[in-house]
Amino acid sequence: KNILERSGFDEICPIHRARVPVVKGCDRHANNPCSKDGSLRFDICFQNRIAIANSALVREYAELHEKVKILMVLVKNWVRAQSIGSAVGGTLSSYSWMNLTVFFLQCIGYIPSLQSKDLMTSHGVLSSGTNMETKTVDGLDCFFFKASFIKKEKLWIASKEMEEIPISCLVCNFFHFYTIIFDHPILAISIRLGRSSLLKATFENAKFWRVCIEDPFETHHCHRPHDLGACVNRKGQALILRKLKDAAASLKSSLVSPVSSTNDNTINILFGQSPTSDSVEVHENN
């Protein structure tokens, strides 16, 4: 902590109750274009090599399509604004929310599972070379396709209807999916599988009242299964569901109202601002 503070960082906070050693902090001089004051908040973890593979996997999903990246950023910022992105605080970590985002897009057929062995087999792809990550970390299989290879070889092509879905529709349906469609008491979220088929019962300590998220590498059948939702307490789960439902209700009109149907106005509604006839925030690169 003292070393970081002497180096110009502030808000340094060791998280003693974390699953692995973590230090949170803020770099006020990072010139971050995504924050108003240019600051960049960060987590530094130790003795957690699997986290590197986790981050690399999320990055590859973000590279699959521009709209995937946009939705990830919107969800992450919404989570921060609602104060429901803290595993230590009894809600979900930012990484867990990215799992929710990817899983939703997989379930609607927008993106594939980058860990799909079936995809590799069906296209005769060898599990080696530069087209994928194949390393093993602490005895865990960390195989996944690289987004560039998926796109270059056209291993996955979304339907024309999916390609034409505006980001406003993806945002609205993300909240609709987790408040209406997904069966939280019965099913677990798994971007490894990319479909609603994994039962919560596969995790020994899963609870019907809280979300269950399979880590893509520390899977339910490995030697150290990790449920990313295990950190959620009853108060945190209730808060998460309430925030999701509030957002879903606020966004419902954006799919039918001529005033709020644009991408930018959907974002305004999501962050508690009134819809306007002018677009000022988010633009898709289509």
C-alpha atoms as a PDB file:
ATOM      1  CA  LYS A   1       0.000   0.000   0.000  1.00  0.00           C
ATOM      2  CA  ASN A   2       2.740   2.461   0.957  1.00  0.00           C
ATOM      3  CA  ILE A   3       4.663   1.756  -2.248  1.00  0.00           C
ATOM      4  CA  LEU A   4       1.587   2.479  -4.396  1.00  0.00           C
ATOM      5  CA  GLU A   5       0.784   5.675  -2.517  1.00  0.00           C
ATOM      6  CA  ARG A   6       4.356   6.932  -2.903  1.00  0.00           C
ATOM      7  CA  SER A   7       4.054   6.225  -6.638  1.00  0.00           C
ATOM      8  CA  GLY A   8       1.133   8.641  -7.000  1.00  0.00           C
ATOM      9  CA  PHE A   9      -1.827   6.280  -6.614  1.00  0.00           C
ATOM     10  CA  ASP A  10      -4.596   6.871  -4.085  1.00  0.00           C
ATOM     11  CA  GLU A  11      -7.657   5.232  -2.544  1.00  0.00           C
ATOM     12  CA  ILE A  12      -5.468   2.172  -1.961  1.00  0.00           C
ATOM     13  CA  CYS A  13      -7.503  -0.492  -0.189  1.00  0.00           C
ATOM     14  CA  PRO A  14      -6.372  -4.072   0.514  1.00  0.00           C
ATOM     15  CA  ILE A  15      -9.297  -6.505   0.382  1.00  0.00           C
ATOM     16  CA  HIS A  16      -8.515  -8.983   3.129  1.00  0.00           C
ATOM     17  CA  ARG A  17     -11.638 -11.136   2.695  1.00  0.00           C
ATOM     18  CA  ALA A  18     -11.196 -11.710  -1.038  1.00  0.00           C
ATOM     19  CA  ARG A  19     -10.822 -15.250  -2.422  1.00  0.00           C
ATOM     20  CA  VAL A  20      -7.324 -14.254  -3.570  1.00  0.00           C
ATOM     21  CA  PRO A  21      -5.222 -11.318  -2.303  1.00  0.00           C
ATOM     22  CA  VAL A  22      -6.485  -8.085  -3.930  1.00  0.00           C
ATOM     23  CA  VAL A  23      -5.538  -4.432  -3.669  1.00  0.00           C
ATOM     24  CA  LYS A  24      -7.908  -1.809  -5.085  1.00  0.00           C
ATOM     25  CA  GLY A  25      -6.813   1.681  -6.025  1.00  0.00           C
ATOM     26  CA  CYS A  26      -7.114   4.639  -8.361  1.00  0.00           C
ATOM     27  CA  ASP A  27      -4.662   6.295 -10.732  1.00  0.00           C
ATOM     28  CA  ARG A  28      -5.693   9.956 -10.948  1.00  0.00           C
ATOM     29  CA  HIS A  29      -3.197  10.672 -13.736  1.00  0.00           C
ATOM     30  CA  ALA A  30      -4.075   7.857 -16.149  1.00  0.00           C
ATOM     31  CA  ASN A  31      -5.727  10.162 -18.736  1.00  0.00           C
ATOM     32  CA  ASN A  32      -8.533   7.641 -19.054  1.00  0.00           C
ATOM     33  CA  PRO A  33     -10.883   8.876 -21.820  1.00  0.00           C
ATOM     34  CA  CYS A  34     -13.798   6.911 -20.345  1.00  0.00           C
ATOM     35  CA  SER A  35     -13.896   8.838 -17.047  1.00  0.00           C
ATOM     36  CA  LYS A  36     -14.763  12.486 -16.467  1.00  0.00           C
ATOM     37  CA  ASP A  37     -11.606  13.274 -14.502  1.00  0.00           C
ATOM     38  CA  GLY A  38      -9.270  10.973 -16.460  1.00  0.00           C
ATOM     39  CA  SER A  39      -8.798   8.612 -13.525  1.00  0.00           C
ATOM     40  CA  LEU A  40      -8.543   4.842 -13.807  1.00  0.00           C
ATOM     41  CA  ARG A  41      -9.660   2.489 -11.054  1.00  0.00           C
ATOM     42  CA  PHE A  42      -7.810  -0.820 -10.826  1.00  0.00           C
ATOM     43  CA  ASP A  43      -7.519  -4.108  -8.981  1.00  0.00           C
ATOM     44  CA  ILE A  44      -4.181  -5.819  -8.448  1.00  0.00           C
ATOM     45  CA  CYS A  45      -4.339  -9.470  -7.493  1.00  0.00           C
ATOM     46  CA  PHE A  46      -1.643 -11.906  -6.420  1.00  0.00           C
ATOM     47  CA  GLN A  47      -1.161 -15.659  -6.702  1.00  0.00           C
ATOM     48  CA  ASN A  48      -4.038 -15.889  -9.173  1.00  0.00           C
ATOM     49  CA  ARG A  49      -2.736 -16.912 -12.581  1.00  0.00           C
ATOM     50  CA  ILE A  50      -6.173 -18.035 -13.709  1.00  0.00           C
ATOM     51  CA  ALA A  51      -7.314 -14.394 -13.595  1.00  0.00           C
ATOM     52  CA  ILE A  52      -4.995 -13.660 -16.527  1.00  0.00           C
ATOM     53  CA  ALA A  53      -6.759 -16.318 -18.596  1.00  0.00           C
ATOM     54  CA  ASN A  54     -10.149 -14.973 -17.462  1.00  0.00           C
ATOM     55  CA  SER A  55      -9.270 -11.460 -18.613  1.00  0.00           C
ATOM     56  CA  ALA A  56      -7.893 -12.729 -21.927  1.00  0.00           C
ATOM     57  CA  LEU A  57     -11.114 -14.649 -22.593  1.00  0.00           C
ATOM     58  CA  VAL A  58     -13.318 -11.614 -21.943  1.00  0.00           C
ATOM     59  CA  ARG A  59     -11.080  -9.559 -24.245  1.00  0.00           C
ATOM     60  CA  GLU A  60     -11.543 -12.071 -27.065  1.00  0.00           C
ATOM     61  CA  TYR A  61     -15.329 -11.935 -26.661  1.00  0.00           C
ATOM     62  CA  ALA A  62     -15.179  -8.145 -26.876  1.00  0.00           C
ATOM     63  CA  GLU A  63     -13.251  -8.455 -30.154  1.00  0.00           C
ATOM     64  CA  LEU A  64     -15.919 -10.634 -31.789  1.00  0.00           C
ATOM     65  CA  HIS A  65     -18.153  -7.684 -32.669  1.00  0.00           C
ATOM     66  CA  GLU A  66     -18.255  -3.961 -31.994  1.00  0.00           C
ATOM     67  CA  LYS A  67     -21.713  -4.276 -30.430  1.00  0.00           C
ATOM     68  CA  VAL A  68     -20.424  -6.854 -27.948  1.00  0.00           C
ATOM     69  CA  LYS A  69     -17.834  -4.364 -26.760  1.00  0.00           C
ATOM     70  CA  ILE A  70     -20.415  -1.567 -26.549  1.00  0.00           C
ATOM     71  CA  LEU A  71     -22.816  -3.688 -24.515  1.00  0.00           C
ATOM     72  CA  MET A  72     -20.011  -4.721 -22.160  1.00  0.00           C
ATOM     73  CA  VAL A  73     -19.065  -1.078 -21.546  1.00  0.00           C
ATOM     74  CA  LEU A  74     -22.693  -0.047 -21.002  1.00  0.00           C
ATOM     75  CA  VAL A  75     -23.373  -2.871 -18.551  1.00  0.00           C
ATOM     76  CA  LYS A  76     -20.138  -2.183 -16.665  1.00  0.00           C
ATOM     77  CA  ASN A  77     -20.941   1.523 -16.318  1.00  0.00           C
ATOM     78  CA  TRP A  78     -24.546   0.821 -15.333  1.00  0.00           C
ATOM     79  CA  VAL A  79     -23.369  -1.640 -12.661  1.00  0.00           C
ATOM     80  CA  ARG A  80     -20.980   0.966 -11.276  1.00  0.00           C
ATOM     81  CA  ALA A  81     -23.720   3.617 -11.227  1.00  0.00           C
ATOM     82  CA  GLN A  82     -26.059   1.256  -9.333  1.00  0.00           C
ATOM     83  CA  SER A  83     -23.372   0.160  -6.827  1.00  0.00           C
ATOM     84  CA  ILE A  84     -23.914  -3.550  -7.508  1.00  0.00           C
ATOM     85  CA  GLY A  85     -20.421  -4.464  -8.701  1.00  0.00           C
ATOM     86  CA  SER A  86     -18.635  -5.530  -5.534  1.00  0.00           C
ATOM     87  CA  ALA A  87     -18.064  -9.165  -4.619  1.00  0.00           C
ATOM     88  CA  VAL A  88     -16.777  -8.040  -1.222  1.00  0.00           C
ATOM     89  CA  GLY A  89     -19.967  -6.008  -0.762  1.00  0.00           C
ATOM     90  CA  GLY A  90     -22.216  -9.007  -1.356  1.00  0.00           C
ATOM     91  CA  THR A  91     -23.117  -8.382  -4.997  1.00  0.00           C
ATOM     92  CA  LEU A  92     -21.233  -9.425  -8.156  1.00  0.00           C
ATOM     93  CA  SER A  93     -17.773  -8.528  -9.404  1.00  0.00           C
ATOM     94  CA  SER A  94     -17.292  -6.661 -12.672  1.00  0.00           C
ATOM     95  CA  TYR A  95     -15.931  -9.878 -14.194  1.00  0.00           C
ATOM     96  CA  SER A  96     -19.119 -11.721 -13.195  1.00  0.00           C
ATOM     97  CA  TRP A  97     -21.228  -9.060 -14.915  1.00  0.00           C
ATOM     98  CA  MET A  98     -19.179  -9.552 -18.080  1.00  0.00           C
ATOM     99  CA  ASN A  99     -20.027 -13.257 -17.850  1.00  0.00           C
ATOM    100  CA  LEU A 100     -23.715 -12.315 -17.667  1.00  0.00           C
ATOM    101  CA  THR A 101     -23.326 -10.078 -20.719  1.00  0.00           C
ATOM    102  CA  VAL A 102     -21.559 -12.730 -22.808  1.00  0.00           C
ATOM    103  CA  PHE A 103     -23.999 -15.442 -21.722  1.00  0.00           C
ATOM    104  CA  PHE A 104     -27.006 -13.371 -22.772  1.00  0.00           C
ATOM    105  CA  LEU A 105     -25.493 -12.794 -26.230  1.00  0.00           C
ATOM    106  CA  GLN A 106     -24.736 -16.512 -26.555  1.00  0.00           C
ATOM    107  CA  CYS A 107     -28.269 -17.515 -25.611  1.00  0.00           C
ATOM    108  CA  ILE A 108     -29.825 -15.310 -28.291  1.00  0.00           C
ATOM    109  CA  GLY A 109     -27.414 -16.678 -30.911  1.00  0.00           C
ATOM    110  CA  TYR A 110     -25.416 -13.473 -31.335  1.00  0.00           C
ATOM    111  CA  ILE A 111     -22.002 -14.947 -30.488  1.00  0.00           C
ATOM    112  CA  PRO A 112     -20.619 -18.491 -29.979  1.00  0.00           C
ATOM    113  CA  SER A 113     -18.797 -20.041 -27.059  1.00  0.00           C
ATOM    114  CA  LEU A 114     -15.087 -19.527 -27.670  1.00  0.00           C
ATOM    115  CA  GLN A 115     -14.455 -22.672 -25.629  1.00  0.00           C
ATOM    116  CA  SER A 116     -16.624 -24.893 -27.807  1.00  0.00           C
ATOM    117  CA  LYS A 117     -14.822 -28.157 -28.558  1.00  0.00           C
ATOM    118  CA  ASP A 118     -17.720 -29.025 -30.888  1.00  0.00           C
ATOM    119  CA  LEU A 119     -16.910 -25.936 -32.953  1.00  0.00           C
ATOM    120  CA  MET A 120     -13.303 -27.046 -33.189  1.00  0.00           C
ATOM    121  CA  THR A 121     -14.216 -30.607 -34.163  1.00  0.00           C
ATOM    122  CA  SER A 122     -16.881 -29.676 -36.712  1.00  0.00           C
ATOM    123  CA  HIS A 123     -14.437 -27.452 -38.605  1.00  0.00           C
ATOM    124  CA  GLY A 124     -11.434 -29.766 -38.318  1.00  0.00           C
ATOM    125  CA  VAL A 125      -9.431 -27.230 -36.339  1.00  0.00           C
ATOM    126  CA  LEU A 126      -6.317 -28.473 -34.553  1.00  0.00           C
ATOM    127  CA  SER A 127      -6.020 -27.582 -30.884  1.00  0.00           C
ATOM    128  CA  SER A 128      -2.634 -25.970 -31.339  1.00  0.00           C
ATOM    129  CA  GLY A 129      -0.960 -23.088 -33.103  1.00  0.00           C
ATOM    130  CA  THR A 130      -1.755 -19.373 -33.067  1.00  0.00           C
ATOM    131  CA  ASN A 131      -5.494 -19.702 -33.674  1.00  0.00           C
ATOM    132  CA  MET A 132      -6.336 -20.290 -30.023  1.00  0.00           C
ATOM    133  CA  GLU A 133      -5.121 -20.248 -26.455  1.00  0.00           C
ATOM    134  CA  THR A 134      -4.352 -23.797 -25.328  1.00  0.00           C
ATOM    135  CA  LYS A 135      -2.317 -23.380 -22.182  1.00  0.00           C
ATOM    136  CA  THR A 136      -3.041 -25.173 -18.934  1.00  0.00           C
ATOM    137  CA  VAL A 137      -3.005 -23.138 -15.726  1.00  0.00           C
ATOM    138  CA  ASP A 138      -2.799 -24.923 -12.380  1.00  0.00           C
ATOM    139  CA  GLY A 139      -4.096 -28.088 -14.018  1.00  0.00           C
ATOM    140  CA  LEU A 140      -7.094 -26.283 -15.556  1.00  0.00           C
ATOM    141  CA  ASP A 141      -7.924 -26.442 -19.261  1.00  0.00           C
ATOM    142  CA  CYS A 142      -7.750 -22.853 -20.517  1.00  0.00           C
ATOM    143  CA  PHE A 143      -8.473 -23.567 -24.180  1.00  0.00           C
ATOM    144  CA  PHE A 144     -10.387 -20.946 -26.167  1.00  0.00           C
ATOM    145  CA  PHE A 145     -10.543 -19.644 -29.721  1.00  0.00           C
ATOM    146  CA  LYS A 146      -9.170 -16.253 -30.639  1.00  0.00           C
ATOM    147  CA  ALA A 147     -11.749 -13.851 -32.045  1.00  0.00           C
ATOM    148  CA  SER A 148      -9.559 -13.006 -35.037  1.00  0.00           C
ATOM    149  CA  PHE A 149      -9.454 -16.671 -36.068  1.00  0.00           C
ATOM    150  CA  ILE A 150     -13.221 -17.100 -35.646  1.00  0.00           C
ATOM    151  CA  LYS A 151     -13.829 -14.139 -37.959  1.00  0.00           C
ATOM    152  CA  LYS A 152     -11.101 -14.945 -40.479  1.00  0.00           C
ATOM    153  CA  GLU A 153     -12.150 -18.571 -40.935  1.00  0.00           C
ATOM    154  CA  LYS A 154     -15.867 -17.749 -40.586  1.00  0.00           C
ATOM    155  CA  LEU A 155     -16.347 -20.462 -37.982  1.00  0.00           C
ATOM    156  CA  TRP A 156     -19.340 -18.538 -36.705  1.00  0.00           C
ATOM    157  CA  ILE A 157     -21.608 -16.287 -38.730  1.00  0.00           C
ATOM    158  CA  ALA A 158     -24.592 -14.670 -37.047  1.00  0.00           C
ATOM    159  CA  SER A 159     -27.829 -14.513 -39.003  1.00  0.00           C
ATOM    160  CA  LYS A 160     -28.694 -11.380 -40.954  1.00  0.00           C
ATOM    161  CA  GLU A 161     -31.436 -10.631 -38.442  1.00  0.00           C
ATOM    162  CA  MET A 162     -28.928 -10.747 -35.600  1.00  0.00           C
ATOM    163  CA  GLU A 163     -26.454  -8.507 -37.437  1.00  0.00           C
ATOM    164  CA  GLU A 164     -29.146  -5.878 -37.915  1.00  0.00           C
ATOM    165  CA  ILE A 165     -30.210  -5.724 -34.254  1.00  0.00           C
ATOM    166  CA  PRO A 166     -29.470  -2.204 -32.948  1.00  0.00           C
ATOM    167  CA  ILE A 167     -27.560  -1.786 -29.715  1.00  0.00           C
ATOM    168  CA  SER A 168     -30.679  -0.250 -28.136  1.00  0.00           C
ATOM    169  CA  CYS A 169     -32.504  -3.558 -28.639  1.00  0.00           C
ATOM    170  CA  LEU A 170     -29.609  -5.561 -27.190  1.00  0.00           C
ATOM    171  CA  VAL A 171     -29.549  -3.346 -24.107  1.00  0.00           C
ATOM    172  CA  CYS A 172     -33.296  -3.664 -23.521  1.00  0.00           C
ATOM    173  CA  ASN A 173     -33.270  -7.410 -24.017  1.00  0.00           C
ATOM    174  CA  PHE A 174     -30.300  -7.925 -21.707  1.00  0.00           C
ATOM    175  CA  PHE A 175     -32.469  -6.721 -18.826  1.00  0.00           C
ATOM    176  CA  HIS A 176     -35.543  -8.548 -20.116  1.00  0.00           C
ATOM    177  CA  PHE A 177     -33.550 -11.783 -20.281  1.00  0.00           C
ATOM    178  CA  TYR A 178     -32.396 -11.671 -16.669  1.00  0.00           C
ATOM    179  CA  THR A 179     -35.700 -10.455 -15.201  1.00  0.00           C
ATOM    180  CA  ILE A 180     -38.196 -12.534 -17.197  1.00  0.00           C
ATOM    181  CA  ILE A 181     -36.613 -15.338 -19.244  1.00  0.00           C
ATOM    182  CA  PHE A 182     -33.672 -16.828 -17.364  1.00  0.00           C
ATOM    183  CA  ASP A 183     -34.652 -19.337 -14.654  1.00  0.00           C
ATOM    184  CA  HIS A 184     -32.449 -18.170 -11.752  1.00  0.00           C
ATOM    185  CA  PRO A 185     -33.645 -20.703  -9.129  1.00  0.00           C
ATOM    186  CA  ILE A 186     -32.875 -23.701 -11.339  1.00  0.00           C
ATOM    187  CA  LEU A 187     -30.133 -22.834 -13.828  1.00  0.00           C
ATOM    188  CA  ALA A 188     -26.512 -21.718 -13.645  1.00  0.00           C
ATOM    189  CA  ILE A 189     -24.885 -19.260 -16.049  1.00  0.00           C
ATOM    190  CA  SER A 190     -22.050 -20.759 -18.093  1.00  0.00           C
ATOM    191  CA  ILE A 191     -20.272 -19.019 -20.964  1.00  0.00           C
ATOM    192  CA  ARG A 192     -18.274 -22.226 -21.408  1.00  0.00           C
ATOM    193  CA  LEU A 193     -21.450 -23.935 -22.583  1.00  0.00           C
ATOM    194  CA  GLY A 194     -23.108 -20.819 -23.991  1.00  0.00           C
ATOM    195  CA  ARG A 195     -26.642 -22.069 -23.415  1.00  0.00           C
ATOM    196  CA  SER A 196     -29.175 -22.460 -20.611  1.00  0.00           C
ATOM    197  CA  SER A 197     -28.506 -26.090 -19.754  1.00  0.00           C
ATOM    198  CA  LEU A 198     -26.312 -26.219 -16.644  1.00  0.00           C
ATOM    199  CA  LEU A 199     -28.255 -26.960 -13.460  1.00  0.00           C
ATOM    200  CA  LYS A 200     -27.407 -25.251 -10.193  1.00  0.00           C
ATOM    201  CA  ALA A 201     -27.439 -28.658  -8.548  1.00  0.00           C
ATOM    202  CA  THR A 202     -24.041 -29.373 -10.121  1.00  0.00           C
ATOM    203  CA  PHE A 203     -22.527 -26.927  -7.606  1.00  0.00           C
ATOM    204  CA  GLU A 204     -22.438 -28.275  -4.069  1.00  0.00           C
ATOM    205  CA  ASN A 205     -22.935 -24.918  -2.352  1.00  0.00           C
ATOM    206  CA  ALA A 206     -25.339 -23.289  -4.830  1.00  0.00           C
ATOM    207  CA  LYS A 207     -28.471 -21.665  -3.385  1.00  0.00           C
ATOM    208  CA  PHE A 208     -31.840 -21.415  -5.106  1.00  0.00           C
ATOM    209  CA  TRP A 209     -32.231 -17.784  -3.965  1.00  0.00           C
ATOM    210  CA  ARG A 210     -29.031 -16.411  -5.529  1.00  0.00           C
ATOM    211  CA  VAL A 211     -27.390 -16.313  -8.927  1.00  0.00           C
ATOM    212  CA  CYS A 212     -24.999 -19.138  -9.840  1.00  0.00           C
ATOM    213  CA  ILE A 213     -22.226 -18.486 -12.377  1.00  0.00           C
ATOM    214  CA  GLU A 214     -19.758 -21.140 -13.473  1.00  0.00           C
ATOM    215  CA  ASP A 215     -16.237 -19.814 -13.928  1.00  0.00           C
ATOM    216  CA  PRO A 216     -15.280 -20.657 -17.547  1.00  0.00           C
ATOM    217  CA  PHE A 217     -12.083 -22.426 -16.458  1.00  0.00           C
ATOM    218  CA  GLU A 218     -12.721 -23.415 -12.837  1.00  0.00           C
ATOM    219  CA  THR A 219     -15.703 -25.468 -13.963  1.00  0.00           C
ATOM    220  CA  HIS A 220     -18.131 -27.529 -11.888  1.00  0.00           C
ATOM    221  CA  HIS A 221     -16.366 -30.794 -12.777  1.00  0.00           C
ATOM    222  CA  CYS A 222     -12.735 -29.708 -12.243  1.00  0.00           C
ATOM    223  CA  HIS A 223     -10.631 -30.148  -9.102  1.00  0.00           C
ATOM    224  CA  ARG A 224     -11.485 -26.658  -7.808  1.00  0.00           C
ATOM    225  CA  PRO A 225     -14.960 -25.597  -8.999  1.00  0.00           C
ATOM    226  CA  HIS A 226     -15.710 -21.898  -8.664  1.00  0.00           C
ATOM    227  CA  ASP A 227     -19.201 -20.426  -8.528  1.00  0.00           C
ATOM    228  CA  LEU A 228     -18.753 -16.707  -9.195  1.00  0.00           C
ATOM    229  CA  GLY A 229     -22.090 -16.054  -7.487  1.00  0.00           C
ATOM    230  CA  ALA A 230     -20.992 -17.548  -4.173  1.00  0.00           C
ATOM    231  CA  CYS A 231     -20.085 -14.076  -2.882  1.00  0.00           C
ATOM    232  CA  VAL A 232     -23.663 -12.809  -3.206  1.00  0.00           C
ATOM    233  CA  ASN A 233     -25.622 -12.494   0.042  1.00  0.00           C
ATOM    234  CA  ARG A 234     -29.402 -12.224   0.364  1.00  0.00           C
ATOM    235  CA  LYS A 235     -29.365  -8.450   0.573  1.00  0.00           C
ATOM    236  CA  GLY A 236     -27.086  -8.210  -2.447  1.00  0.00           C
ATOM    237  CA  GLN A 237     -29.230 -10.604  -4.499  1.00  0.00           C
ATOM    238  CA  ALA A 238     -32.370  -8.639  -3.701  1.00  0.00           C
ATOM    239  CA  LEU A 239     -30.612  -5.413  -4.700  1.00  0.00           C
ATOM    240  CA  ILE A 240     -29.353  -6.911  -7.976  1.00  0.00           C
ATOM    241  CA  LEU A 241     -32.824  -8.140  -8.942  1.00  0.00           C
ATOM    242  CA  ARG A 242     -34.444  -4.837  -8.007  1.00  0.00           C
ATOM    243  CA  LYS A 243     -31.958  -2.854 -10.078  1.00  0.00           C
ATOM    244  CA  LEU A 244     -32.410  -5.201 -13.053  1.00  0.00           C
ATOM    245  CA  LYS A 245     -36.204  -4.931 -12.837  1.00  0.00           C
ATOM    246  CA  ASP A 246     -36.089  -1.145 -12.480  1.00  0.00           C
ATOM    247  CA  ALA A 247     -33.890  -0.863 -15.558  1.00  0.00           C
ATOM    248  CA  ALA A 248     -36.098  -3.271 -17.534  1.00  0.00           C
ATOM    249  CA  ALA A 249     -39.203  -1.254 -16.660  1.00  0.00           C
ATOM    250  CA  SER A 250     -37.536   2.047 -17.562  1.00  0.00           C
ATOM    251  CA  LEU A 251     -36.298   0.695 -20.884  1.00  0.00           C
ATOM    252  CA  LYS A 252     -39.538  -0.984 -21.907  1.00  0.00           C
ATOM    253  CA  SER A 253     -40.852   2.181 -23.534  1.00  0.00           C
ATOM    254  CA  SER A 254     -37.665   2.637 -25.572  1.00  0.00           C
ATOM    255  CA  LEU A 255     -38.682  -0.202 -27.906  1.00  0.00           C
ATOM    256  CA  VAL A 256     -42.058   1.350 -28.762  1.00  0.00           C
ATOM    257  CA  SER A 257     -41.689   5.084 -28.290  1.00  0.00           C
ATOM    258  CA  PRO A 258     -40.629   7.070 -31.391  1.00  0.00           C
ATOM    259  CA  VAL A 259     -38.916   9.539 -29.060  1.00  0.00           C
ATOM    260  CA  SER A 260     -36.812   7.026 -27.116  1.00  0.00           C
ATOM    261  CA  SER A 261     -36.147   4.320 -29.693  1.00  0.00           C
ATOM    262  CA  THR A 262     -32.710   5.581 -30.716  1.00  0.00           C
ATOM    263  CA  ASN A 263     -29.525   4.114 -29.287  1.00  0.00           C
ATOM    264  CA  ASP A 264     -28.587   7.298 -27.461  1.00  0.00           C
ATOM    265  CA  ASN A 265     -31.969   7.765 -25.840  1.00  0.00           C
ATOM    266  CA  THR A 266     -31.934   4.146 -24.660  1.00  0.00           C
ATOM    267  CA  ILE A 267     -28.639   4.932 -22.917  1.00  0.00           C
ATOM    268  CA  ASN A 268     -30.109   8.105 -21.424  1.00  0.00           C
ATOM    269  CA  ILE A 269     -33.020   6.121 -19.986  1.00  0.00           C
ATOM    270  CA  LEU A 270     -30.688   3.437 -18.627  1.00  0.00           C
ATOM    271  CA  PHE A 271     -28.723   6.024 -16.679  1.00  0.00           C
ATOM    272  CA  GLY A 272     -31.771   7.866 -15.371  1.00  0.00           C
ATOM    273  CA  GLN A 273     -31.855  10.710 -17.886  1.00  0.00           C
ATOM    274  CA  SER A 274     -34.861  11.924 -19.836  1.00  0.00           C
ATOM    275  CA  PRO A 275     -35.045  10.839 -23.504  1.00  0.00           C
ATOM    276  CA  THR A 276     -34.528  13.600 -26.053  1.00  0.00           C
ATOM    277  CA  SER A 277     -34.873  13.891 -29.788  1.00  0.00           C
ATOM    278  CA  ASP A 278     -31.131  14.468 -30.202  1.00  0.00           C
ATOM    279  CA  SER A 279     -28.502  11.714 -30.254  1.00  0.00           C
ATOM    280  CA  VAL A 280     -25.457  12.609 -28.212  1.00  0.00           C
ATOM    281  CA  GLU A 281     -23.935   9.557 -26.533  1.00  0.00           C
ATOM    282  CA  VAL A 282     -23.282   6.210 -28.233  1.00  0.00           C
ATOM    283  CA  HIS A 283     -22.809   5.501 -31.930  1.00  0.00           C
ATOM    284  CA  GLU A 284     -22.369   2.118 -33.558  1.00  0.00           C
ATOM    285  CA  ASN A 285     -19.632   1.524 -36.098  1.00  0.00           C
ATOM    286  CA  ASN A 286     -21.754  -0.113 -38.789  1.00  0.00           C
END
